Amino acid sequence: MQANLSDGSGLSAAVHDVDVIVHAATGSNLRRIDIEGTERLLAVAQAVGVQHLLFVSIVGIDKIPFVYYKAKLEVEQSVQAGQVPWSILRATQFHTLPHFLLKTLHRSPLFLVPTDFQVQPIDPHAVAEHIMEQVGQKAGGMLADIGGPEVLTLGAMTQSWLAIRGSKRKVLHLPIPGAVARGFRRGYNTVPQNKYGQLTWQQWSEERYGDMVMS
């Protein structure tokens, strides 16, 4: 069954006789889908008596003034202010995000990378397992943040990524000013005290590019 957060169509039918909702939806229109869409979902969930809404969020959104993070934080605030019992789980970003970033930067004539950014990629399967553990319990409010098994600089991730792809391309440091970049440099997007899962960046990259590994 499908529902549309952007206009609310299908929401009532989708949550009918549902006790627990795991909310991980997002879209390109942050205002209409993430923020206003969550308000629509909360209203319908309250009307049908949903007992637990678990919102999947991102580590560091309250410390890094990135536009997407600001939208996620606003969604968190709506969930907290609503009448539906709630839990919020913040996780670090999946391996696919730094991979997408590196692929994008790699297309440029100069391979410029903000090498001092800190990253703690987590396996989405590990996050899903953790979510399944939570949905069987009562709403717990703000749950403990979870992150992947290692905190790395984007520079270190880039070097291993290149090696696995068999590339010897030179990496140049890209200095980025501003509060957003400062937050990533300081690791506000990581949670080293609560490492979760086992899939490392090296392992993930080898699984994706294993046939390209040089002997």
N, C-alpha and C. Protein backbone atom coordinates (compact mmCIF):
# COMPACT_ATOMS: atom_id res chain seq x y z
N MET A 1 0.83 -1.19 0.00
CA MET A 1 0.00 0.00 0.00
C MET A 1 0.88 1.25 0.00
N GLN A 2 0.50 2.24 -0.76
CA GLN A 2 1.27 3.46 -0.87
C GLN A 2 0.49 4.65 -0.33
N ALA A 3 1.26 5.62 0.19
CA ALA A 3 0.67 6.87 0.65
C ALA A 3 1.61 8.00 0.25
N ASN A 4 1.06 9.19 0.15
CA ASN A 4 1.83 10.34 -0.31
C ASN A 4 1.89 11.39 0.78
N LEU A 5 3.08 11.58 1.35
CA LEU A 5 3.22 12.58 2.41
C LEU A 5 3.05 13.99 1.88
N SER A 6 3.34 14.23 0.62
CA SER A 6 3.31 15.59 0.09
C SER A 6 1.90 16.17 0.03
N ASP A 7 0.89 15.31 -0.14
CA ASP A 7 -0.49 15.81 -0.16
C ASP A 7 -1.42 15.05 0.78
N GLY A 8 -0.89 14.02 1.45
CA GLY A 8 -1.69 13.27 2.41
C GLY A 8 -2.54 12.17 1.82
N SER A 9 -2.53 12.01 0.52
CA SER A 9 -3.36 10.99 -0.10
C SER A 9 -2.91 9.59 0.31
N GLY A 10 -3.87 8.78 0.70
CA GLY A 10 -3.59 7.40 1.08
C GLY A 10 -3.08 7.20 2.48
N LEU A 11 -2.86 8.27 3.24
CA LEU A 11 -2.29 8.12 4.58
C LEU A 11 -3.24 7.40 5.53
N SER A 12 -4.50 7.78 5.52
CA SER A 12 -5.46 7.16 6.44
C SER A 12 -5.55 5.66 6.22
N ALA A 13 -5.62 5.26 4.97
CA ALA A 13 -5.71 3.83 4.66
C ALA A 13 -4.41 3.12 5.02
N ALA A 14 -3.29 3.79 4.83
CA ALA A 14 -1.99 3.16 5.07
C ALA A 14 -1.76 2.88 6.55
N VAL A 15 -2.26 3.73 7.43
CA VAL A 15 -2.00 3.56 8.87
C VAL A 15 -3.19 2.94 9.60
N HIS A 16 -4.24 2.57 8.87
CA HIS A 16 -5.40 1.94 9.51
C HIS A 16 -5.01 0.62 10.15
N ASP A 17 -5.37 0.44 11.41
CA ASP A 17 -5.05 -0.78 12.18
C ASP A 17 -3.55 -0.98 12.37
N VAL A 18 -2.78 0.09 12.31
CA VAL A 18 -1.34 0.03 12.52
C VAL A 18 -1.02 0.49 13.94
N ASP A 19 -0.19 -0.27 14.64
CA ASP A 19 0.21 0.10 16.00
C ASP A 19 1.50 0.90 16.02
N VAL A 20 2.43 0.57 15.10
CA VAL A 20 3.75 1.20 15.10
C VAL A 20 4.07 1.73 13.70
N ILE A 21 4.57 2.94 13.64
CA ILE A 21 5.02 3.53 12.38
C ILE A 21 6.51 3.83 12.49
N VAL A 22 7.29 3.36 11.51
CA VAL A 22 8.69 3.75 11.39
C VAL A 22 8.76 4.79 10.27
N HIS A 23 9.10 6.01 10.64
CA HIS A 23 9.09 7.13 9.70
C HIS A 23 10.52 7.44 9.26
N ALA A 24 10.83 7.09 8.01
CA ALA A 24 12.15 7.38 7.45
C ALA A 24 12.03 8.06 6.10
N ALA A 25 10.84 8.57 5.80
CA ALA A 25 10.59 9.17 4.49
C ALA A 25 11.24 10.53 4.36
N THR A 26 11.68 10.83 3.16
CA THR A 26 12.23 12.14 2.85
C THR A 26 12.02 12.39 1.36
N GLY A 27 12.35 13.60 0.91
CA GLY A 27 12.16 13.92 -0.49
C GLY A 27 12.91 15.18 -0.86
N SER A 28 12.86 15.54 -2.13
CA SER A 28 13.59 16.71 -2.60
C SER A 28 12.98 18.01 -2.09
N ASN A 29 11.67 18.01 -1.87
CA ASN A 29 10.99 19.19 -1.33
C ASN A 29 10.90 19.04 0.18
N LEU A 30 11.89 19.56 0.89
CA LEU A 30 11.98 19.34 2.33
C LEU A 30 10.80 19.93 3.08
N ARG A 31 10.35 21.09 2.67
CA ARG A 31 9.23 21.73 3.36
C ARG A 31 7.95 20.92 3.17
N ARG A 32 7.64 20.57 1.94
CA ARG A 32 6.38 19.92 1.65
C ARG A 32 6.34 18.47 2.10
N ILE A 33 7.44 17.75 1.91
CA ILE A 33 7.44 16.31 2.20
C ILE A 33 7.89 16.02 3.62
N ASP A 34 9.07 16.50 3.99
CA ASP A 34 9.61 16.16 5.31
C ASP A 34 8.84 16.86 6.43
N ILE A 35 8.73 18.17 6.35
CA ILE A 35 8.17 18.93 7.46
C ILE A 35 6.64 18.89 7.47
N GLU A 36 6.03 19.37 6.39
CA GLU A 36 4.56 19.37 6.34
C GLU A 36 4.02 17.95 6.23
N GLY A 37 4.74 17.08 5.53
CA GLY A 37 4.31 15.69 5.41
C GLY A 37 4.28 14.98 6.75
N THR A 38 5.26 15.28 7.60
CA THR A 38 5.27 14.69 8.94
C THR A 38 4.09 15.18 9.76
N GLU A 39 3.74 16.45 9.62
CA GLU A 39 2.57 16.98 10.32
C GLU A 39 1.30 16.24 9.89
N ARG A 40 1.19 15.96 8.60
CA ARG A 40 0.04 15.20 8.10
C ARG A 40 0.03 13.79 8.68
N LEU A 41 1.20 13.17 8.69
CA LEU A 41 1.31 11.82 9.22
C LEU A 41 0.96 11.77 10.69
N LEU A 42 1.43 12.73 11.46
CA LEU A 42 1.15 12.77 12.89
C LEU A 42 -0.34 12.94 13.15
N ALA A 43 -1.00 13.79 12.37
CA ALA A 43 -2.43 14.01 12.56
C ALA A 43 -3.23 12.74 12.30
N VAL A 44 -2.88 12.05 11.23
CA VAL A 44 -3.59 10.81 10.90
C VAL A 44 -3.27 9.73 11.92
N ALA A 45 -2.00 9.64 12.34
CA ALA A 45 -1.60 8.63 13.32
C ALA A 45 -2.32 8.84 14.65
N GLN A 46 -2.47 10.09 15.05
CA GLN A 46 -3.20 10.38 16.29
C GLN A 46 -4.67 10.00 16.15
N ALA A 47 -5.25 10.28 15.01
CA ALA A 47 -6.67 10.02 14.79
C ALA A 47 -7.00 8.53 14.86
N VAL A 48 -6.09 7.68 14.39
CA VAL A 48 -6.37 6.24 14.37
C VAL A 48 -5.79 5.52 15.58
N GLY A 49 -5.11 6.26 16.47
CA GLY A 49 -4.62 5.65 17.70
C GLY A 49 -3.33 4.87 17.59
N VAL A 50 -2.43 5.31 16.72
CA VAL A 50 -1.11 4.68 16.64
C VAL A 50 -0.41 4.77 17.99
N GLN A 51 0.20 3.69 18.42
CA GLN A 51 0.80 3.61 19.76
C GLN A 51 2.28 3.98 19.81
N HIS A 52 2.93 4.01 18.66
CA HIS A 52 4.38 4.28 18.67
C HIS A 52 4.80 4.75 17.29
N LEU A 53 5.39 5.93 17.21
CA LEU A 53 5.98 6.43 15.97
C LEU A 53 7.47 6.58 16.19
N LEU A 54 8.26 5.85 15.41
CA LEU A 54 9.71 5.91 15.52
C LEU A 54 10.24 6.68 14.31
N PHE A 55 10.86 7.80 14.57
CA PHE A 55 11.43 8.62 13.50
C PHE A 55 12.92 8.36 13.40
N VAL A 56 13.38 8.04 12.20
CA VAL A 56 14.80 7.78 11.95
C VAL A 56 15.46 9.09 11.52
N SER A 57 16.41 9.56 12.32
CA SER A 57 17.04 10.85 12.08
C SER A 57 18.55 10.68 11.92
N ILE A 58 19.28 11.77 12.02
CA ILE A 58 20.71 11.78 11.69
C ILE A 58 21.51 12.40 12.82
N VAL A 59 22.62 11.78 13.16
CA VAL A 59 23.51 12.28 14.21
C VAL A 59 24.05 13.66 13.82
N GLY A 60 24.00 14.59 14.76
CA GLY A 60 24.62 15.89 14.57
C GLY A 60 23.75 16.97 13.97
N ILE A 61 22.47 16.68 13.74
CA ILE A 61 21.63 17.68 13.07
C ILE A 61 21.37 18.91 13.94
N ASP A 62 21.58 18.78 15.23
CA ASP A 62 21.38 19.92 16.12
C ASP A 62 22.65 20.76 16.27
N LYS A 63 23.74 20.33 15.64
CA LYS A 63 25.01 21.04 15.78
C LYS A 63 25.59 21.52 14.45
N ILE A 64 25.08 20.99 13.35
CA ILE A 64 25.60 21.36 12.03
C ILE A 64 24.48 22.05 11.25
N PRO A 65 24.64 23.34 10.92
CA PRO A 65 23.56 24.10 10.29
C PRO A 65 23.41 23.86 8.79
N PHE A 66 23.42 22.61 8.40
CA PHE A 66 23.21 22.21 7.01
C PHE A 66 21.71 22.27 6.73
N VAL A 67 21.30 22.70 5.54
CA VAL A 67 19.88 22.89 5.23
C VAL A 67 19.08 21.60 5.46
N TYR A 68 19.58 20.49 4.96
CA TYR A 68 18.87 19.22 5.12
C TYR A 68 18.76 18.84 6.59
N TYR A 69 19.82 19.09 7.35
CA TYR A 69 19.82 18.78 8.77
C TYR A 69 18.83 19.66 9.52
N LYS A 70 18.72 20.92 9.11
CA LYS A 70 17.76 21.82 9.75
C LYS A 70 16.33 21.31 9.56
N ALA A 71 16.05 20.78 8.38
CA ALA A 71 14.73 20.23 8.11
C ALA A 71 14.47 19.00 8.98
N LYS A 72 15.46 18.14 9.11
CA LYS A 72 15.32 16.96 9.95
C LYS A 72 15.09 17.35 11.41
N LEU A 73 15.78 18.38 11.86
CA LEU A 73 15.60 18.84 13.23
C LEU A 73 14.19 19.38 13.44
N GLU A 74 13.67 20.07 12.45
CA GLU A 74 12.30 20.57 12.55
C GLU A 74 11.30 19.42 12.60
N VAL A 75 11.57 18.36 11.86
CA VAL A 75 10.71 17.18 11.91
C VAL A 75 10.77 16.56 13.31
N GLU A 76 11.97 16.45 13.86
CA GLU A 76 12.10 15.93 15.23
C GLU A 76 11.24 16.72 16.21
N GLN A 77 11.29 18.03 16.09
CA GLN A 77 10.53 18.89 16.99
C GLN A 77 9.03 18.68 16.84
N SER A 78 8.57 18.45 15.62
CA SER A 78 7.16 18.17 15.39
C SER A 78 6.76 16.84 16.03
N VAL A 79 7.60 15.85 15.88
CA VAL A 79 7.33 14.54 16.48
C VAL A 79 7.26 14.66 18.00
N GLN A 80 8.19 15.40 18.57
CA GLN A 80 8.23 15.57 20.02
C GLN A 80 7.02 16.34 20.54
N ALA A 81 6.52 17.27 19.75
CA ALA A 81 5.39 18.10 20.19
C ALA A 81 4.04 17.44 19.93
N GLY A 82 4.04 16.36 19.17
CA GLY A 82 2.79 15.70 18.83
C GLY A 82 2.22 14.87 19.97
N GLN A 83 1.03 14.33 19.72
CA GLN A 83 0.32 13.54 20.73
C GLN A 83 0.53 12.04 20.57
N VAL A 84 1.25 11.63 19.54
CA VAL A 84 1.52 10.21 19.33
C VAL A 84 2.78 9.83 20.10
N PRO A 85 2.74 8.76 20.90
CA PRO A 85 3.96 8.32 21.61
C PRO A 85 5.10 8.10 20.60
N TRP A 86 6.28 8.59 20.94
CA TRP A 86 7.34 8.63 19.94
C TRP A 86 8.69 8.14 20.45
N SER A 87 9.51 7.76 19.48
CA SER A 87 10.94 7.51 19.69
C SER A 87 11.66 8.17 18.52
N ILE A 88 12.86 8.66 18.78
CA ILE A 88 13.71 9.21 17.73
C ILE A 88 15.06 8.53 17.80
N LEU A 89 15.46 7.93 16.70
CA LEU A 89 16.76 7.27 16.61
C LEU A 89 17.62 8.04 15.61
N ARG A 90 18.72 8.58 16.10
CA ARG A 90 19.69 9.24 15.22
C ARG A 90 20.82 8.27 14.90
N ALA A 91 21.08 8.11 13.61
CA ALA A 91 22.19 7.26 13.16
C ALA A 91 23.11 8.09 12.28
N THR A 92 24.35 7.67 12.18
CA THR A 92 25.28 8.33 11.27
C THR A 92 24.92 7.96 9.83
N GLN A 93 25.57 8.59 8.88
CA GLN A 93 25.24 8.38 7.47
C GLN A 93 25.71 7.01 6.98
N PHE A 94 25.02 6.49 5.96
CA PHE A 94 25.38 5.21 5.37
C PHE A 94 26.64 5.36 4.50
N HIS A 95 27.25 4.23 4.17
CA HIS A 95 28.45 4.23 3.33
C HIS A 95 28.20 4.87 1.96
N THR A 96 26.97 4.81 1.50
CA THR A 96 26.65 5.32 0.17
C THR A 96 26.84 6.83 0.05
N LEU A 97 26.73 7.57 1.16
CA LEU A 97 26.88 9.02 1.06
C LEU A 97 28.31 9.44 0.75
N PRO A 98 29.33 9.02 1.53
CA PRO A 98 30.70 9.39 1.15
C PRO A 98 31.09 8.82 -0.21
N HIS A 99 30.55 7.66 -0.54
CA HIS A 99 30.84 7.07 -1.85
C HIS A 99 30.31 7.97 -2.97
N PHE A 100 29.09 8.45 -2.81
CA PHE A 100 28.51 9.36 -3.80
C PHE A 100 29.32 10.65 -3.89
N LEU A 101 29.74 11.16 -2.74
CA LEU A 101 30.54 12.39 -2.72
C LEU A 101 31.85 12.19 -3.47
N LEU A 102 32.54 11.09 -3.18
CA LEU A 102 33.83 10.84 -3.83
C LEU A 102 33.67 10.62 -5.34
N LYS A 103 32.64 9.91 -5.74
CA LYS A 103 32.41 9.70 -7.17
C LYS A 103 32.17 11.03 -7.88
N THR A 104 31.43 11.92 -7.21
CA THR A 104 31.13 13.23 -7.79
C THR A 104 32.40 14.07 -7.91
N LEU A 105 33.17 14.13 -6.83
CA LEU A 105 34.40 14.92 -6.83
C LEU A 105 35.44 14.35 -7.79
N HIS A 106 35.41 13.03 -7.97
CA HIS A 106 36.40 12.36 -8.81
C HIS A 106 36.24 12.71 -10.29
N ARG A 107 35.07 13.21 -10.67
CA ARG A 107 34.82 13.56 -12.07
C ARG A 107 35.52 14.85 -12.49
N SER A 108 35.90 15.66 -11.51
CA SER A 108 36.52 16.95 -11.81
C SER A 108 37.97 16.77 -12.27
N PRO A 109 38.49 17.71 -13.04
CA PRO A 109 39.89 17.62 -13.49
C PRO A 109 40.87 17.52 -12.33
N LEU A 110 40.59 18.25 -11.25
CA LEU A 110 41.39 18.14 -10.03
C LEU A 110 40.55 17.43 -8.97
N PHE A 111 41.16 16.44 -8.31
CA PHE A 111 40.43 15.67 -7.30
C PHE A 111 40.57 16.39 -5.96
N LEU A 112 39.68 17.35 -5.74
CA LEU A 112 39.69 18.16 -4.52
C LEU A 112 38.73 17.58 -3.51
N VAL A 113 39.24 17.27 -2.31
CA VAL A 113 38.45 16.61 -1.27
C VAL A 113 38.66 17.33 0.06
N PRO A 114 37.59 17.58 0.83
CA PRO A 114 37.76 18.11 2.18
C PRO A 114 38.28 17.00 3.10
N THR A 115 39.56 16.74 3.03
CA THR A 115 40.16 15.56 3.65
C THR A 115 40.06 15.53 5.17
N ASP A 116 39.79 16.69 5.79
CA ASP A 116 39.74 16.73 7.25
C ASP A 116 38.33 16.51 7.81
N PHE A 117 37.35 16.29 6.96
CA PHE A 117 36.01 15.96 7.45
C PHE A 117 36.05 14.60 8.14
N GLN A 118 35.30 14.44 9.21
CA GLN A 118 35.20 13.16 9.89
C GLN A 118 33.90 12.45 9.49
N VAL A 119 33.99 11.15 9.34
CA VAL A 119 32.85 10.36 8.89
C VAL A 119 32.83 9.05 9.69
N GLN A 120 31.63 8.57 9.99
CA GLN A 120 31.46 7.30 10.71
C GLN A 120 30.36 6.48 10.02
N PRO A 121 30.64 5.96 8.83
CA PRO A 121 29.59 5.30 8.06
C PRO A 121 29.07 4.04 8.75
N ILE A 122 27.75 3.86 8.64
CA ILE A 122 27.10 2.72 9.28
C ILE A 122 26.35 1.90 8.24
N ASP A 123 26.31 0.61 8.46
CA ASP A 123 25.61 -0.32 7.58
C ASP A 123 24.10 -0.15 7.76
N PRO A 124 23.34 0.12 6.69
CA PRO A 124 21.89 0.27 6.84
C PRO A 124 21.21 -0.98 7.38
N HIS A 125 21.80 -2.15 7.13
CA HIS A 125 21.22 -3.38 7.68
C HIS A 125 21.33 -3.38 9.21
N ALA A 126 22.44 -2.85 9.73
CA ALA A 126 22.61 -2.76 11.18
C ALA A 126 21.59 -1.79 11.77
N VAL A 127 21.36 -0.69 11.07
CA VAL A 127 20.35 0.27 11.54
C VAL A 127 18.97 -0.37 11.52
N ALA A 128 18.67 -1.11 10.47
CA ALA A 128 17.37 -1.78 10.37
C ALA A 128 17.18 -2.78 11.51
N GLU A 129 18.22 -3.52 11.83
CA GLU A 129 18.14 -4.48 12.93
C GLU A 129 17.87 -3.76 14.25
N HIS A 130 18.53 -2.63 14.44
CA HIS A 130 18.33 -1.86 15.67
C HIS A 130 16.91 -1.31 15.74
N ILE A 131 16.40 -0.87 14.61
CA ILE A 131 15.02 -0.37 14.56
C ILE A 131 14.05 -1.48 14.93
N MET A 132 14.27 -2.67 14.40
CA MET A 132 13.38 -3.79 14.70
C MET A 132 13.38 -4.13 16.19
N GLU A 133 14.51 -3.94 16.83
CA GLU A 133 14.56 -4.16 18.28
C GLU A 133 13.72 -3.13 19.02
N GLN A 134 13.65 -1.92 18.47
CA GLN A 134 12.94 -0.84 19.15
C GLN A 134 11.44 -0.88 18.93
N VAL A 135 10.99 -1.34 17.77
CA VAL A 135 9.56 -1.29 17.47
C VAL A 135 8.77 -2.26 18.34
N GLY A 136 9.43 -3.24 18.89
CA GLY A 136 8.74 -4.17 19.77
C GLY A 136 8.63 -3.67 21.20
N GLN A 137 9.14 -2.48 21.45
CA GLN A 137 9.11 -1.91 22.78
C GLN A 137 8.24 -0.66 22.81
N LYS A 138 7.98 -0.16 24.00
CA LYS A 138 7.21 1.07 24.12
C LYS A 138 8.04 2.25 23.62
N ALA A 139 7.35 3.31 23.26
CA ALA A 139 8.03 4.52 22.81
C ALA A 139 9.03 4.98 23.86
N GLY A 140 10.24 5.29 23.42
CA GLY A 140 11.31 5.59 24.37
C GLY A 140 11.87 6.99 24.29
N GLY A 141 11.20 7.90 23.55
CA GLY A 141 11.72 9.26 23.44
C GLY A 141 13.00 9.30 22.62
N MET A 142 13.95 10.10 23.08
CA MET A 142 15.24 10.19 22.38
C MET A 142 16.08 8.97 22.73
N LEU A 143 16.29 8.12 21.75
CA LEU A 143 17.11 6.92 21.94
C LEU A 143 18.59 7.29 21.80
N ALA A 144 19.44 6.40 22.24
CA ALA A 144 20.88 6.64 22.12
C ALA A 144 21.28 6.67 20.64
N ASP A 145 22.08 7.65 20.27
CA ASP A 145 22.60 7.73 18.90
C ASP A 145 23.45 6.50 18.59
N ILE A 146 23.46 6.10 17.33
CA ILE A 146 24.32 4.99 16.93
C ILE A 146 25.14 5.40 15.70
N GLY A 147 26.36 4.88 15.62
CA GLY A 147 27.24 5.14 14.49
C GLY A 147 27.93 3.87 14.07
N GLY A 148 28.63 3.93 12.97
CA GLY A 148 29.34 2.77 12.46
C GLY A 148 30.53 2.38 13.31
N PRO A 149 31.24 1.32 12.93
CA PRO A 149 32.31 0.75 13.76
C PRO A 149 33.60 1.55 13.79
N GLU A 150 33.72 2.61 12.97
CA GLU A 150 34.97 3.36 12.94
C GLU A 150 34.71 4.81 12.53
N VAL A 151 35.52 5.70 13.09
CA VAL A 151 35.49 7.11 12.70
C VAL A 151 36.74 7.37 11.87
N LEU A 152 36.55 7.86 10.65
CA LEU A 152 37.65 8.08 9.73
C LEU A 152 37.61 9.51 9.20
N THR A 153 38.77 10.00 8.76
CA THR A 153 38.75 11.25 8.02
C THR A 153 38.37 10.93 6.58
N LEU A 154 37.79 11.90 5.92
CA LEU A 154 37.44 11.68 4.52
C LEU A 154 38.70 11.48 3.67
N GLY A 155 39.81 12.03 4.14
CA GLY A 155 41.07 11.82 3.44
C GLY A 155 41.50 10.36 3.46
N ALA A 156 41.42 9.74 4.63
CA ALA A 156 41.77 8.32 4.75
C ALA A 156 40.81 7.46 3.94
N MET A 157 39.54 7.81 3.95
CA MET A 157 38.55 7.06 3.18
C MET A 157 38.83 7.18 1.69
N THR A 158 39.25 8.36 1.27
CA THR A 158 39.55 8.58 -0.14
C THR A 158 40.72 7.73 -0.60
N GLN A 159 41.78 7.66 0.21
CA GLN A 159 42.96 6.88 -0.17
C GLN A 159 42.63 5.40 -0.32
N SER A 160 41.86 4.84 0.62
CA SER A 160 41.50 3.43 0.51
C SER A 160 40.56 3.20 -0.66
N TRP A 161 39.67 4.14 -0.90
CA TRP A 161 38.73 4.06 -2.02
C TRP A 161 39.47 4.04 -3.35
N LEU A 162 40.48 4.89 -3.47
CA LEU A 162 41.29 4.92 -4.69
C LEU A 162 42.08 3.63 -4.87
N ALA A 163 42.66 3.15 -3.77
CA ALA A 163 43.48 1.93 -3.85
C ALA A 163 42.65 0.74 -4.31
N ILE A 164 41.45 0.62 -3.78
CA ILE A 164 40.59 -0.50 -4.14
C ILE A 164 40.17 -0.41 -5.61
N ARG A 165 40.02 0.80 -6.11
CA ARG A 165 39.66 1.00 -7.51
C ARG A 165 40.87 0.93 -8.44
N GLY A 166 42.06 0.75 -7.86
CA GLY A 166 43.26 0.66 -8.67
C GLY A 166 43.72 1.99 -9.23
N SER A 167 43.38 3.07 -8.54
CA SER A 167 43.72 4.40 -9.03
C SER A 167 44.86 5.01 -8.20
N LYS A 168 45.76 5.69 -8.88
CA LYS A 168 46.85 6.39 -8.20
C LYS A 168 46.68 7.90 -8.32
N ARG A 169 45.47 8.32 -8.52
CA ARG A 169 45.21 9.74 -8.71
C ARG A 169 45.56 10.54 -7.46
N LYS A 170 46.14 11.69 -7.65
CA LYS A 170 46.54 12.54 -6.52
C LYS A 170 45.32 13.24 -5.92
N VAL A 171 45.28 13.26 -4.59
CA VAL A 171 44.19 13.91 -3.87
C VAL A 171 44.69 15.26 -3.35
N LEU A 172 43.93 16.30 -3.62
CA LEU A 172 44.26 17.63 -3.14
C LEU A 172 43.25 18.05 -2.08
N HIS A 173 43.76 18.63 -1.00
CA HIS A 173 42.87 19.06 0.08
C HIS A 173 42.04 20.26 -0.34
N LEU A 174 40.75 20.18 -0.08
CA LEU A 174 39.83 21.27 -0.38
C LEU A 174 39.42 21.95 0.92
N PRO A 175 39.94 23.12 1.22
CA PRO A 175 39.53 23.82 2.44
C PRO A 175 38.16 24.47 2.24
N ILE A 176 37.24 24.18 3.15
CA ILE A 176 35.89 24.74 3.04
C ILE A 176 35.61 25.58 4.29
N PRO A 177 35.32 26.86 4.13
CA PRO A 177 35.02 27.70 5.29
C PRO A 177 33.57 27.54 5.74
N GLY A 178 33.26 28.12 6.89
CA GLY A 178 31.88 28.16 7.34
C GLY A 178 31.55 27.17 8.43
N ALA A 179 30.38 27.39 9.04
CA ALA A 179 29.95 26.60 10.19
C ALA A 179 29.64 25.15 9.84
N VAL A 180 29.09 24.92 8.65
CA VAL A 180 28.75 23.55 8.26
C VAL A 180 30.02 22.71 8.15
N ALA A 181 31.01 23.21 7.42
CA ALA A 181 32.27 22.49 7.26
C ALA A 181 32.96 22.31 8.60
N ARG A 182 32.91 23.33 9.44
CA ARG A 182 33.54 23.23 10.76
C ARG A 182 32.91 22.10 11.58
N GLY A 183 31.59 21.93 11.46
CA GLY A 183 30.92 20.86 12.17
C GLY A 183 31.39 19.49 11.74
N PHE A 184 31.60 19.31 10.43
CA PHE A 184 32.09 18.03 9.93
C PHE A 184 33.55 17.81 10.30
N ARG A 185 34.34 18.88 10.33
CA ARG A 185 35.74 18.74 10.75
C ARG A 185 35.83 18.33 12.21
N ARG A 186 34.96 18.87 13.02
CA ARG A 186 34.99 18.57 14.45
C ARG A 186 34.29 17.26 14.81
N GLY A 187 33.68 16.63 13.83
CA GLY A 187 33.06 15.34 14.08
C GLY A 187 31.72 15.40 14.77
N TYR A 188 30.99 16.50 14.62
CA TYR A 188 29.67 16.60 15.23
C TYR A 188 28.70 15.59 14.63
N ASN A 189 29.04 15.06 13.47
CA ASN A 189 28.23 14.07 12.78
C ASN A 189 28.61 12.64 13.15
N THR A 190 29.44 12.48 14.17
CA THR A 190 29.87 11.15 14.60
C THR A 190 29.47 10.91 16.05
N VAL A 191 29.48 9.65 16.43
CA VAL A 191 29.18 9.27 17.81
C VAL A 191 30.13 8.14 18.21
N PRO A 192 31.41 8.46 18.41
CA PRO A 192 32.43 7.43 18.66
C PRO A 192 32.20 6.63 19.92
N GLN A 193 31.43 7.17 20.85
CA GLN A 193 31.17 6.46 22.10
C GLN A 193 30.11 5.37 21.95
N ASN A 194 29.47 5.29 20.80
CA ASN A 194 28.42 4.29 20.62
C ASN A 194 28.51 3.69 19.21
N LYS A 195 29.59 2.95 18.99
CA LYS A 195 29.79 2.30 17.69
C LYS A 195 28.87 1.09 17.57
N TYR A 196 28.33 0.92 16.37
CA TYR A 196 27.33 -0.12 16.16
C TYR A 196 27.53 -0.73 14.78
N GLY A 197 27.32 -2.04 14.69
CA GLY A 197 27.53 -2.72 13.41
C GLY A 197 28.99 -3.10 13.22
N GLN A 198 29.27 -3.82 12.15
CA GLN A 198 30.61 -4.35 11.92
C GLN A 198 31.18 -4.03 10.54
N LEU A 199 30.37 -3.54 9.63
CA LEU A 199 30.83 -3.31 8.26
C LEU A 199 31.66 -2.04 8.17
N THR A 200 32.95 -2.21 7.90
CA THR A 200 33.87 -1.07 7.80
C THR A 200 33.81 -0.45 6.40
N TRP A 201 34.40 0.71 6.27
CA TRP A 201 34.49 1.37 4.96
C TRP A 201 35.31 0.52 3.99
N GLN A 202 36.40 -0.05 4.46
CA GLN A 202 37.24 -0.90 3.63
C GLN A 202 36.45 -2.10 3.12
N GLN A 203 35.73 -2.75 4.02
CA GLN A 203 34.95 -3.92 3.64
C GLN A 203 33.85 -3.56 2.64
N TRP A 204 33.17 -2.46 2.91
CA TRP A 204 32.08 -2.03 2.01
C TRP A 204 32.64 -1.73 0.62
N SER A 205 33.76 -1.04 0.59
CA SER A 205 34.37 -0.67 -0.70
C SER A 205 34.85 -1.90 -1.45
N GLU A 206 35.42 -2.86 -0.73
CA GLU A 206 35.89 -4.09 -1.37
C GLU A 206 34.72 -4.89 -1.93
N GLU A 207 33.60 -4.90 -1.22
CA GLU A 207 32.42 -5.60 -1.72
C GLU A 207 31.92 -4.97 -3.01
N ARG A 208 32.06 -3.66 -3.11
CA ARG A 208 31.56 -2.94 -4.29
C ARG A 208 32.55 -2.99 -5.45
N TYR A 209 33.84 -2.92 -5.12
CA TYR A 209 34.86 -2.83 -6.17
C TYR A 209 35.87 -3.96 -6.09
N GLY A 210 35.50 -5.08 -5.49
CA GLY A 210 36.44 -6.16 -5.24
C GLY A 210 37.19 -6.64 -6.46
N ASP A 211 36.50 -6.67 -7.61
CA ASP A 211 37.15 -7.18 -8.83
C ASP A 211 38.14 -6.18 -9.41
N MET A 212 38.22 -4.98 -8.78
CA MET A 212 39.15 -3.97 -9.27
C MET A 212 40.41 -3.89 -8.41
N VAL A 213 40.44 -4.67 -7.29
CA VAL A 213 41.58 -4.60 -6.39
C VAL A 213 42.85 -5.04 -7.11
N MET A 214 43.89 -4.26 -6.99
CA MET A 214 45.16 -4.58 -7.65
C MET A 214 45.95 -5.56 -6.80
N SER A 215 46.66 -6.46 -7.44
CA SER A 215 47.48 -7.43 -6.71
C SER A 215 48.80 -6.80 -6.33
